Full PDB file with SEQRES, HELIX, SHEET, SSBOND, CRYST1, ORIGX, SCALE, CONECT and MASTER records, all heavy atoms in Angstrom:
SEQRES   1 A   34  VAL ILE GLY ALA TYR HIS SER HIS PRO ALA SER ALA PRO          
SEQRES   2 A   34  THR PRO SER ASP SER ASP ILE ALA GLU ALA THR GLY GLY          
SEQRES   3 A   34  ARG ASP PHE LEU TYR VAL ILE VAL                              
HELIX    1 AA1 ASP A   17  ALA A   21  1                                   5    
SHEET    1 AA1 2 GLY A   3  HIS A   6  0                                        
SHEET    2 AA1 2 LEU A  30  ILE A  33  1                                        
CRYST1    1.000    1.000    1.000  90.00  90.00  90.00 P 1           1          
ORIGX1      1.000000  0.000000  0.000000        0.00000                         
ORIGX2      0.000000  1.000000  0.000000        0.00000                         
ORIGX3      0.000000  0.000000  1.000000        0.00000                         
SCALE1      1.000000  0.000000  0.000000        0.00000                         
SCALE2      0.000000  1.000000  0.000000        0.00000                         
SCALE3      0.000000  0.000000  1.000000        0.00000                         
ATOM      1  N   VAL A   1     -99.967  -7.778 -16.044  1.00  0.00           N  
ATOM      2  CA  VAL A   1     -99.369  -8.897 -16.772  1.00  0.00           C  
ATOM      3  C   VAL A   1    -100.376 -10.033 -16.715  1.00  0.00           C  
ATOM      4  O   VAL A   1    -100.756 -10.474 -15.630  1.00  0.00           O  
ATOM      5  CB  VAL A   1     -98.008  -9.305 -16.162  1.00  0.00           C  
ATOM      6  CG1 VAL A   1     -97.499 -10.596 -16.804  1.00  0.00           C  
ATOM      7  CG2 VAL A   1     -96.997  -8.184 -16.328  1.00  0.00           C  
ATOM      8  N   ILE A   2    -100.835 -10.473 -17.876  1.00  0.00           N  
ATOM      9  CA  ILE A   2    -101.869 -11.508 -17.941  1.00  0.00           C  
ATOM     10  C   ILE A   2    -101.345 -12.837 -18.460  1.00  0.00           C  
ATOM     11  O   ILE A   2    -102.089 -13.813 -18.527  1.00  0.00           O  
ATOM     12  CB  ILE A   2    -103.054 -11.054 -18.815  1.00  0.00           C  
ATOM     13  CG1 ILE A   2    -102.596 -10.755 -20.243  1.00  0.00           C  
ATOM     14  CG2 ILE A   2    -103.753  -9.863 -18.185  1.00  0.00           C  
ATOM     15  CD1 ILE A   2    -103.721 -10.618 -21.240  1.00  0.00           C  
ATOM     16  N   GLY A   3    -100.072 -12.864 -18.856  1.00  0.00           N  
ATOM     17  CA  GLY A   3     -99.543 -14.103 -19.394  1.00  0.00           C  
ATOM     18  C   GLY A   3     -98.097 -13.970 -19.808  1.00  0.00           C  
ATOM     19  O   GLY A   3     -97.442 -12.954 -19.557  1.00  0.00           O  
ATOM     20  N   ALA A   4     -97.622 -15.017 -20.443  1.00  0.00           N  
ATOM     21  CA  ALA A   4     -96.243 -15.068 -20.930  1.00  0.00           C  
ATOM     22  C   ALA A   4     -96.231 -15.743 -22.289  1.00  0.00           C  
ATOM     23  O   ALA A   4     -97.146 -16.495 -22.639  1.00  0.00           O  
ATOM     24  CB  ALA A   4     -95.372 -15.835 -19.951  1.00  0.00           C  
ATOM     25  N   TYR A   5     -95.179 -15.450 -23.035  1.00  0.00           N  
ATOM     26  CA  TYR A   5     -94.998 -16.142 -24.311  1.00  0.00           C  
ATOM     27  C   TYR A   5     -93.567 -16.662 -24.397  1.00  0.00           C  
ATOM     28  O   TYR A   5     -92.665 -16.163 -23.729  1.00  0.00           O  
ATOM     29  CB  TYR A   5     -95.323 -15.236 -25.501  1.00  0.00           C  
ATOM     30  CG  TYR A   5     -94.331 -14.148 -25.803  1.00  0.00           C  
ATOM     31  CD1 TYR A   5     -93.287 -14.348 -26.708  1.00  0.00           C  
ATOM     32  CD2 TYR A   5     -94.426 -12.901 -25.201  1.00  0.00           C  
ATOM     33  CE1 TYR A   5     -92.382 -13.342 -26.989  1.00  0.00           C  
ATOM     34  CE2 TYR A   5     -93.532 -11.890 -25.478  1.00  0.00           C  
ATOM     35  CZ  TYR A   5     -92.504 -12.112 -26.377  1.00  0.00           C  
ATOM     36  OH  TYR A   5     -91.593 -11.119 -26.656  1.00  0.00           O  
ATOM     37  N   HIS A   6     -93.417 -17.698 -25.187  1.00  0.00           N  
ATOM     38  CA  HIS A   6     -92.084 -18.195 -25.528  1.00  0.00           C  
ATOM     39  C   HIS A   6     -92.182 -18.874 -26.885  1.00  0.00           C  
ATOM     40  O   HIS A   6     -93.273 -19.082 -27.413  1.00  0.00           O  
ATOM     41  CB  HIS A   6     -91.539 -19.136 -24.444  1.00  0.00           C  
ATOM     42  CG  HIS A   6     -92.160 -20.493 -24.420  1.00  0.00           C  
ATOM     43  ND1 HIS A   6     -93.397 -20.738 -23.846  1.00  0.00           N  
ATOM     44  CD2 HIS A   6     -91.712 -21.683 -24.887  1.00  0.00           C  
ATOM     45  CE1 HIS A   6     -93.675 -22.030 -23.963  1.00  0.00           C  
ATOM     46  NE2 HIS A   6     -92.670 -22.629 -24.591  1.00  0.00           N  
ATOM     47  N   SER A   7     -91.034 -19.189 -27.443  1.00  0.00           N  
ATOM     48  CA  SER A   7     -91.044 -19.785 -28.779  1.00  0.00           C  
ATOM     49  C   SER A   7     -90.609 -21.242 -28.748  1.00  0.00           C  
ATOM     50  O   SER A   7     -89.924 -21.692 -27.832  1.00  0.00           O  
ATOM     51  CB  SER A   7     -90.124 -18.995 -29.722  1.00  0.00           C  
ATOM     52  OG  SER A   7     -88.785 -19.049 -29.273  1.00  0.00           O  
ATOM     53  N   HIS A   8     -91.072 -21.941 -29.760  1.00  0.00           N  
ATOM     54  CA  HIS A   8     -90.576 -23.270 -30.099  1.00  0.00           C  
ATOM     55  C   HIS A   8     -89.952 -23.089 -31.491  1.00  0.00           C  
ATOM     56  O   HIS A   8     -90.662 -23.168 -32.490  1.00  0.00           O  
ATOM     57  CB  HIS A   8     -91.701 -24.299 -30.126  1.00  0.00           C  
ATOM     58  CG  HIS A   8     -92.188 -24.699 -28.770  1.00  0.00           C  
ATOM     59  ND1 HIS A   8     -93.145 -25.668 -28.597  1.00  0.00           N  
ATOM     60  CD2 HIS A   8     -91.855 -24.292 -27.525  1.00  0.00           C  
ATOM     61  CE1 HIS A   8     -93.380 -25.831 -27.308  1.00  0.00           C  
ATOM     62  NE2 HIS A   8     -92.608 -24.989 -26.635  1.00  0.00           N  
ATOM     63  N   PRO A   9     -88.647 -22.793 -31.533  1.00  0.00           N  
ATOM     64  CA  PRO A   9     -88.008 -22.385 -32.789  1.00  0.00           C  
ATOM     65  C   PRO A   9     -88.132 -23.372 -33.944  1.00  0.00           C  
ATOM     66  O   PRO A   9     -88.198 -22.934 -35.099  1.00  0.00           O  
ATOM     67  CB  PRO A   9     -86.541 -22.204 -32.401  1.00  0.00           C  
ATOM     68  CG  PRO A   9     -86.552 -21.980 -30.936  1.00  0.00           C  
ATOM     69  CD  PRO A   9     -87.722 -22.758 -30.412  1.00  0.00           C  
ATOM     70  N   ALA A  10     -88.170 -24.652 -33.671  1.00  0.00           N  
ATOM     71  CA  ALA A  10     -88.159 -25.628 -34.760  1.00  0.00           C  
ATOM     72  C   ALA A  10     -89.366 -26.554 -34.760  1.00  0.00           C  
ATOM     73  O   ALA A  10     -89.369 -27.554 -35.476  1.00  0.00           O  
ATOM     74  CB  ALA A  10     -86.875 -26.453 -34.689  1.00  0.00           C  
ATOM     75  N   SER A  11     -90.390 -26.226 -33.967  1.00  0.00           N  
ATOM     76  CA  SER A  11     -91.534 -27.140 -33.903  1.00  0.00           C  
ATOM     77  C   SER A  11     -92.845 -26.367 -33.811  1.00  0.00           C  
ATOM     78  O   SER A  11     -92.849 -25.139 -33.731  1.00  0.00           O  
ATOM     79  CB  SER A  11     -91.391 -28.087 -32.707  1.00  0.00           C  
ATOM     80  OG  SER A  11     -91.424 -27.359 -31.496  1.00  0.00           O  
ATOM     81  N   ALA A  12     -93.931 -27.104 -33.787  1.00  0.00           N  
ATOM     82  CA  ALA A  12     -95.267 -26.511 -33.711  1.00  0.00           C  
ATOM     83  C   ALA A  12     -95.471 -25.825 -32.361  1.00  0.00           C  
ATOM     84  O   ALA A  12     -94.830 -26.179 -31.369  1.00  0.00           O  
ATOM     85  CB  ALA A  12     -96.318 -27.595 -33.913  1.00  0.00           C  
ATOM     86  N   PRO A  13     -96.389 -24.856 -32.307  1.00  0.00           N  
ATOM     87  CA  PRO A  13     -96.648 -24.144 -31.056  1.00  0.00           C  
ATOM     88  C   PRO A  13     -97.591 -24.900 -30.125  1.00  0.00           C  
ATOM     89  O   PRO A  13     -98.686 -24.463 -29.794  1.00  0.00           O  
ATOM     90  CB  PRO A  13     -97.261 -22.829 -31.546  1.00  0.00           C  
ATOM     91  CG  PRO A  13     -97.982 -23.202 -32.791  1.00  0.00           C  
ATOM     92  CD  PRO A  13     -97.139 -24.274 -33.426  1.00  0.00           C  
ATOM     93  N   THR A  14     -97.133 -26.074 -29.726  1.00  0.00           N  
ATOM     94  CA  THR A  14     -97.897 -26.955 -28.831  1.00  0.00           C  
ATOM     95  C   THR A  14     -97.135 -27.085 -27.520  1.00  0.00           C  
ATOM     96  O   THR A  14     -95.912 -27.253 -27.539  1.00  0.00           O  
ATOM     97  CB  THR A  14     -98.047 -28.349 -29.483  1.00  0.00           C  
ATOM     98  OG1 THR A  14     -98.618 -28.196 -30.779  1.00  0.00           O  
ATOM     99  CG2 THR A  14     -98.913 -29.257 -28.650  1.00  0.00           C  
ATOM    100  N   PRO A  15     -97.813 -27.020 -26.376  1.00  0.00           N  
ATOM    101  CA  PRO A  15     -97.089 -27.113 -25.105  1.00  0.00           C  
ATOM    102  C   PRO A  15     -96.337 -28.429 -24.955  1.00  0.00           C  
ATOM    103  O   PRO A  15     -96.876 -29.505 -25.231  1.00  0.00           O  
ATOM    104  CB  PRO A  15     -98.195 -27.017 -24.050  1.00  0.00           C  
ATOM    105  CG  PRO A  15     -99.350 -26.424 -24.740  1.00  0.00           C  
ATOM    106  CD  PRO A  15     -99.252 -26.836 -26.172  1.00  0.00           C  
ATOM    107  N   SER A  16     -95.093 -28.321 -24.537  1.00  0.00           N  
ATOM    108  CA  SER A  16     -94.295 -29.515 -24.255  1.00  0.00           C  
ATOM    109  C   SER A  16     -94.647 -30.026 -22.860  1.00  0.00           C  
ATOM    110  O   SER A  16     -95.325 -29.344 -22.091  1.00  0.00           O  
ATOM    111  CB  SER A  16     -92.803 -29.168 -24.318  1.00  0.00           C  
ATOM    112  OG  SER A  16     -92.477 -28.276 -23.258  1.00  0.00           O  
ATOM    113  N   ASP A  17     -94.163 -31.206 -22.535  1.00  0.00           N  
ATOM    114  CA  ASP A  17     -94.392 -31.747 -21.202  1.00  0.00           C  
ATOM    115  C   ASP A  17     -93.840 -30.807 -20.134  1.00  0.00           C  
ATOM    116  O   ASP A  17     -94.463 -30.599 -19.092  1.00  0.00           O  
ATOM    117  CB  ASP A  17     -93.757 -33.135 -21.063  1.00  0.00           C  
ATOM    118  CG  ASP A  17     -94.491 -34.187 -21.889  1.00  0.00           C  
ATOM    119  OD1 ASP A  17     -95.654 -33.950 -22.286  1.00  0.00           O  
ATOM    120  OD2 ASP A  17     -93.889 -35.253 -22.141  1.00  0.00           O  
ATOM    121  N   SER A  18     -92.659 -30.223 -20.405  1.00  0.00           N  
ATOM    122  CA  SER A  18     -92.085 -29.310 -19.409  1.00  0.00           C  
ATOM    123  C   SER A  18     -92.880 -28.008 -19.333  1.00  0.00           C  
ATOM    124  O   SER A  18     -93.024 -27.440 -18.244  1.00  0.00           O  
ATOM    125  CB  SER A  18     -90.601 -29.036 -19.693  1.00  0.00           C  
ATOM    126  OG  SER A  18     -90.433 -28.434 -20.952  1.00  0.00           O  
ATOM    127  N   ASP A  19     -93.427 -27.526 -20.460  1.00  0.00           N  
ATOM    128  CA  ASP A  19     -94.283 -26.328 -20.420  1.00  0.00           C  
ATOM    129  C   ASP A  19     -95.466 -26.559 -19.479  1.00  0.00           C  
ATOM    130  O   ASP A  19     -95.810 -25.704 -18.662  1.00  0.00           O  
ATOM    131  CB  ASP A  19     -94.823 -25.974 -21.812  1.00  0.00           C  
ATOM    132  CG  ASP A  19     -93.771 -25.477 -22.768  1.00  0.00           C  
ATOM    133  OD1 ASP A  19     -92.721 -24.982 -22.326  1.00  0.00           O  
ATOM    134  OD2 ASP A  19     -94.015 -25.570 -23.991  1.00  0.00           O  
ATOM    135  N   ILE A  20     -96.084 -27.719 -19.606  1.00  0.00           N  
ATOM    136  CA  ILE A  20     -97.259 -28.049 -18.794  1.00  0.00           C  
ATOM    137  C   ILE A  20     -96.868 -28.226 -17.330  1.00  0.00           C  
ATOM    138  O   ILE A  20     -97.511 -27.677 -16.433  1.00  0.00           O  
ATOM    139  CB  ILE A  20     -97.959 -29.315 -19.344  1.00  0.00           C  
ATOM    140  CG1 ILE A  20     -98.492 -29.036 -20.758  1.00  0.00           C  
ATOM    141  CG2 ILE A  20     -99.074 -29.782 -18.412  1.00  0.00           C  
ATOM    142  CD1 ILE A  20     -98.893 -30.278 -21.533  1.00  0.00           C  
ATOM    143  N   ALA A  21     -95.794 -28.964 -17.086  1.00  0.00           N  
ATOM    144  CA  ALA A  21     -95.371 -29.247 -15.712  1.00  0.00           C  
ATOM    145  C   ALA A  21     -94.923 -27.992 -14.965  1.00  0.00           C  
ATOM    146  O   ALA A  21     -95.109 -27.892 -13.755  1.00  0.00           O  
ATOM    147  CB  ALA A  21     -94.242 -30.283 -15.722  1.00  0.00           C  
ATOM    148  N   GLU A  22     -94.349 -27.027 -15.679  1.00  0.00           N  
ATOM    149  CA  GLU A  22     -93.786 -25.849 -15.034  1.00  0.00           C  
ATOM    150  C   GLU A  22     -94.714 -24.642 -15.057  1.00  0.00           C  
ATOM    151  O   GLU A  22     -94.321 -23.549 -14.639  1.00  0.00           O  
ATOM    152  CB  GLU A  22     -92.447 -25.512 -15.682  1.00  0.00           C  
ATOM    153  CG  GLU A  22     -91.418 -26.610 -15.454  1.00  0.00           C  
ATOM    154  CD  GLU A  22     -90.153 -26.439 -16.255  1.00  0.00           C  
ATOM    155  OE1 GLU A  22     -89.962 -25.363 -16.876  1.00  0.00           O  
ATOM    156  OE2 GLU A  22     -89.349 -27.377 -16.278  1.00  0.00           O  
ATOM    157  N   ALA A  23     -95.941 -24.815 -15.523  1.00  0.00           N  
ATOM    158  CA  ALA A  23     -96.897 -23.705 -15.586  1.00  0.00           C  
ATOM    159  C   ALA A  23     -97.366 -23.358 -14.179  1.00  0.00           C  
ATOM    160  O   ALA A  23     -98.106 -24.106 -13.560  1.00  0.00           O  
ATOM    161  CB  ALA A  23     -98.085 -24.096 -16.468  1.00  0.00           C  
ATOM    162  N   THR A  24     -96.919 -22.208 -13.690  1.00  0.00           N  
ATOM    163  CA  THR A  24     -97.242 -21.812 -12.320  1.00  0.00           C  
ATOM    164  C   THR A  24     -97.917 -20.445 -12.246  1.00  0.00           C  
ATOM    165  O   THR A  24     -98.008 -19.857 -11.168  1.00  0.00           O  
ATOM    166  CB  THR A  24     -95.976 -21.783 -11.447  1.00  0.00           C  
ATOM    167  OG1 THR A  24     -95.045 -20.848 -12.028  1.00  0.00           O  
ATOM    168  CG2 THR A  24     -95.337 -23.154 -11.344  1.00  0.00           C  
ATOM    169  N   GLY A  25     -98.394 -19.935 -13.375  1.00  0.00           N  
ATOM    170  CA  GLY A  25     -98.953 -18.592 -13.402  1.00  0.00           C  
ATOM    171  C   GLY A  25    -100.333 -18.450 -12.801  1.00  0.00           C  
ATOM    172  O   GLY A  25    -100.779 -17.343 -12.535  1.00  0.00           O  
ATOM    173  N   GLY A  26    -101.040 -19.537 -12.627  1.00  0.00           N  
ATOM    174  CA  GLY A  26    -102.397 -19.469 -12.092  1.00  0.00           C  
ATOM    175  C   GLY A  26    -103.435 -19.789 -13.156  1.00  0.00           C  
ATOM    176  O   GLY A  26    -103.144 -19.859 -14.341  1.00  0.00           O  
ATOM    177  N   ARG A  27    -104.672 -19.934 -12.733  1.00  0.00           N  
ATOM    178  CA  ARG A  27    -105.719 -20.432 -13.633  1.00  0.00           C  
ATOM    179  C   ARG A  27    -106.080 -19.468 -14.754  1.00  0.00           C  
ATOM    180  O   ARG A  27    -106.554 -19.877 -15.792  1.00  0.00           O  
ATOM    181  CB  ARG A  27    -106.940 -20.899 -12.862  1.00  0.00           C  
ATOM    182  CG  ARG A  27    -107.855 -19.850 -12.309  1.00  0.00           C  
ATOM    183  CD  ARG A  27    -109.109 -20.481 -11.683  1.00  0.00           C  
ATOM    184  NE  ARG A  27    -110.171 -20.710 -12.645  1.00  0.00           N  
ATOM    185  CZ  ARG A  27    -110.474 -21.868 -13.238  1.00  0.00           C  
ATOM    186  NH1 ARG A  27    -109.793 -22.933 -12.969  1.00  0.00           N  
ATOM    187  NH2 ARG A  27    -111.472 -21.956 -14.076  1.00  0.00           N  
ATOM    188  N   ASP A  28    -105.861 -18.168 -14.584  1.00  0.00           N  
ATOM    189  CA  ASP A  28    -106.185 -17.199 -15.624  1.00  0.00           C  
ATOM    190  C   ASP A  28    -104.950 -16.645 -16.324  1.00  0.00           C  
ATOM    191  O   ASP A  28    -105.020 -15.619 -16.991  1.00  0.00           O  
ATOM    192  CB  ASP A  28    -107.003 -16.044 -15.037  1.00  0.00           C  
ATOM    193  CG  ASP A  28    -108.392 -16.494 -14.624  1.00  0.00           C  
ATOM    194  OD1 ASP A  28    -108.939 -17.416 -15.250  1.00  0.00           O  
ATOM    195  OD2 ASP A  28    -108.923 -15.926 -13.644  1.00  0.00           O  
ATOM    196  N   PHE A  29    -103.821 -17.307 -16.165  1.00  0.00           N  
ATOM    197  CA  PHE A  29    -102.571 -16.867 -16.782  1.00  0.00           C  
ATOM    198  C   PHE A  29    -102.482 -17.484 -18.173  1.00  0.00           C  
ATOM    199  O   PHE A  29    -102.540 -18.705 -18.323  1.00  0.00           O  
ATOM    200  CB  PHE A  29    -101.388 -17.294 -15.918  1.00  0.00           C  
ATOM    201  CG  PHE A  29    -100.108 -16.560 -16.190  1.00  0.00           C  
ATOM    202  CD1 PHE A  29     -99.915 -15.285 -15.692  1.00  0.00           C  
ATOM    203  CD2 PHE A  29     -99.110 -17.149 -16.929  1.00  0.00           C  
ATOM    204  CE1 PHE A  29     -98.717 -14.612 -15.914  1.00  0.00           C  
ATOM    205  CE2 PHE A  29     -97.912 -16.491 -17.163  1.00  0.00           C  
ATOM    206  CZ  PHE A  29     -97.711 -15.213 -16.662  1.00  0.00           C  
ATOM    207  N   LEU A  30    -102.350 -16.646 -19.178  1.00  0.00           N  
ATOM    208  CA  LEU A  30    -102.327 -17.080 -20.578  1.00  0.00           C  
ATOM    209  C   LEU A  30    -100.910 -17.425 -21.009  1.00  0.00           C  
ATOM    210  O   LEU A  30     -99.984 -16.638 -20.792  1.00  0.00           O  
ATOM    211  CB  LEU A  30    -102.878 -15.953 -21.464  1.00  0.00           C  
ATOM    212  CG  LEU A  30    -102.850 -16.177 -22.974  1.00  0.00           C  
ATOM    213  CD1 LEU A  30    -103.751 -17.343 -23.378  1.00  0.00           C  
ATOM    214  CD2 LEU A  30    -103.276 -14.890 -23.679  1.00  0.00           C  
ATOM    215  N   TYR A  31    -100.753 -18.575 -21.607  1.00  0.00           N  
ATOM    216  CA  TYR A  31     -99.473 -18.998 -22.162  1.00  0.00           C  
ATOM    217  C   TYR A  31     -99.584 -18.993 -23.682  1.00  0.00           C  
ATOM    218  O   TYR A  31    -100.479 -19.623 -24.237  1.00  0.00           O  
ATOM    219  CB  TYR A  31     -99.098 -20.407 -21.683  1.00  0.00           C  
ATOM    220  CG  TYR A  31     -98.800 -20.459 -20.212  1.00  0.00           C  
ATOM    221  CD1 TYR A  31     -99.807 -20.676 -19.284  1.00  0.00           C  
ATOM    222  CD2 TYR A  31     -97.506 -20.253 -19.744  1.00  0.00           C  
ATOM    223  CE1 TYR A  31     -99.544 -20.692 -17.923  1.00  0.00           C  
ATOM    224  CE2 TYR A  31     -97.230 -20.271 -18.384  1.00  0.00           C  
ATOM    225  CZ  TYR A  31     -98.254 -20.496 -17.481  1.00  0.00           C  
ATOM    226  OH  TYR A  31     -97.992 -20.510 -16.135  1.00  0.00           O  
ATOM    227  N   VAL A  32     -98.669 -18.273 -24.325  1.00  0.00           N  
ATOM    228  CA  VAL A  32     -98.642 -18.216 -25.785  1.00  0.00           C  
ATOM    229  C   VAL A  32     -97.334 -18.826 -26.252  1.00  0.00           C  
ATOM    230  O   VAL A  32     -96.268 -18.535 -25.700  1.00  0.00           O  
ATOM    231  CB  VAL A  32     -98.789 -16.763 -26.289  1.00  0.00           C  
ATOM    232  CG1 VAL A  32     -98.558 -16.688 -27.792  1.00  0.00           C  
ATOM    233  CG2 VAL A  32    -100.168 -16.219 -25.942  1.00  0.00           C  
ATOM    234  N   ILE A  33     -97.442 -19.669 -27.268  1.00  0.00           N  
ATOM    235  CA  ILE A  33     -96.262 -20.289 -27.869  1.00  0.00           C  
ATOM    236  C   ILE A  33     -96.190 -19.832 -29.317  1.00  0.00           C  
ATOM    237  O   ILE A  33     -97.183 -19.869 -30.047  1.00  0.00           O  
ATOM    238  CB  ILE A  33     -96.309 -21.824 -27.771  1.00  0.00           C  
ATOM    239  CG1 ILE A  33     -96.427 -22.245 -26.297  1.00  0.00           C  
ATOM    240  CG2 ILE A  33     -95.062 -22.439 -28.406  1.00  0.00           C  
ATOM    241  CD1 ILE A  33     -96.636 -23.727 -26.094  1.00  0.00           C  
ATOM    242  N   VAL A  34     -95.002 -19.407 -29.716  1.00  0.00           N  
ATOM    243  CA  VAL A  34     -94.755 -18.850 -31.039  1.00  0.00           C  
ATOM    244  C   VAL A  34     -93.847 -19.803 -31.801  1.00  0.00           C  
ATOM    245  O   VAL A  34     -92.827 -20.246 -31.269  1.00  0.00           O  
ATOM    246  CB  VAL A  34     -94.077 -17.473 -30.906  1.00  0.00           C  
ATOM    247  CG1 VAL A  34     -93.814 -16.867 -32.253  1.00  0.00           C  
ATOM    248  CG2 VAL A  34     -94.900 -16.547 -30.032  1.00  0.00           C  
TER     249      VAL A  34                                                      
MASTER        0    0    0    1    2    0    0    6  248    1    0    3          
END                                                                             
């Protein structure tokens, strides 16, 4: 497992403040927003 994805159903695929604050996967963990 190299990362995780989640969606922003009504907005652009840009990390929210909570996405950034709660990112705990590590330095090489890929986050994808759909």
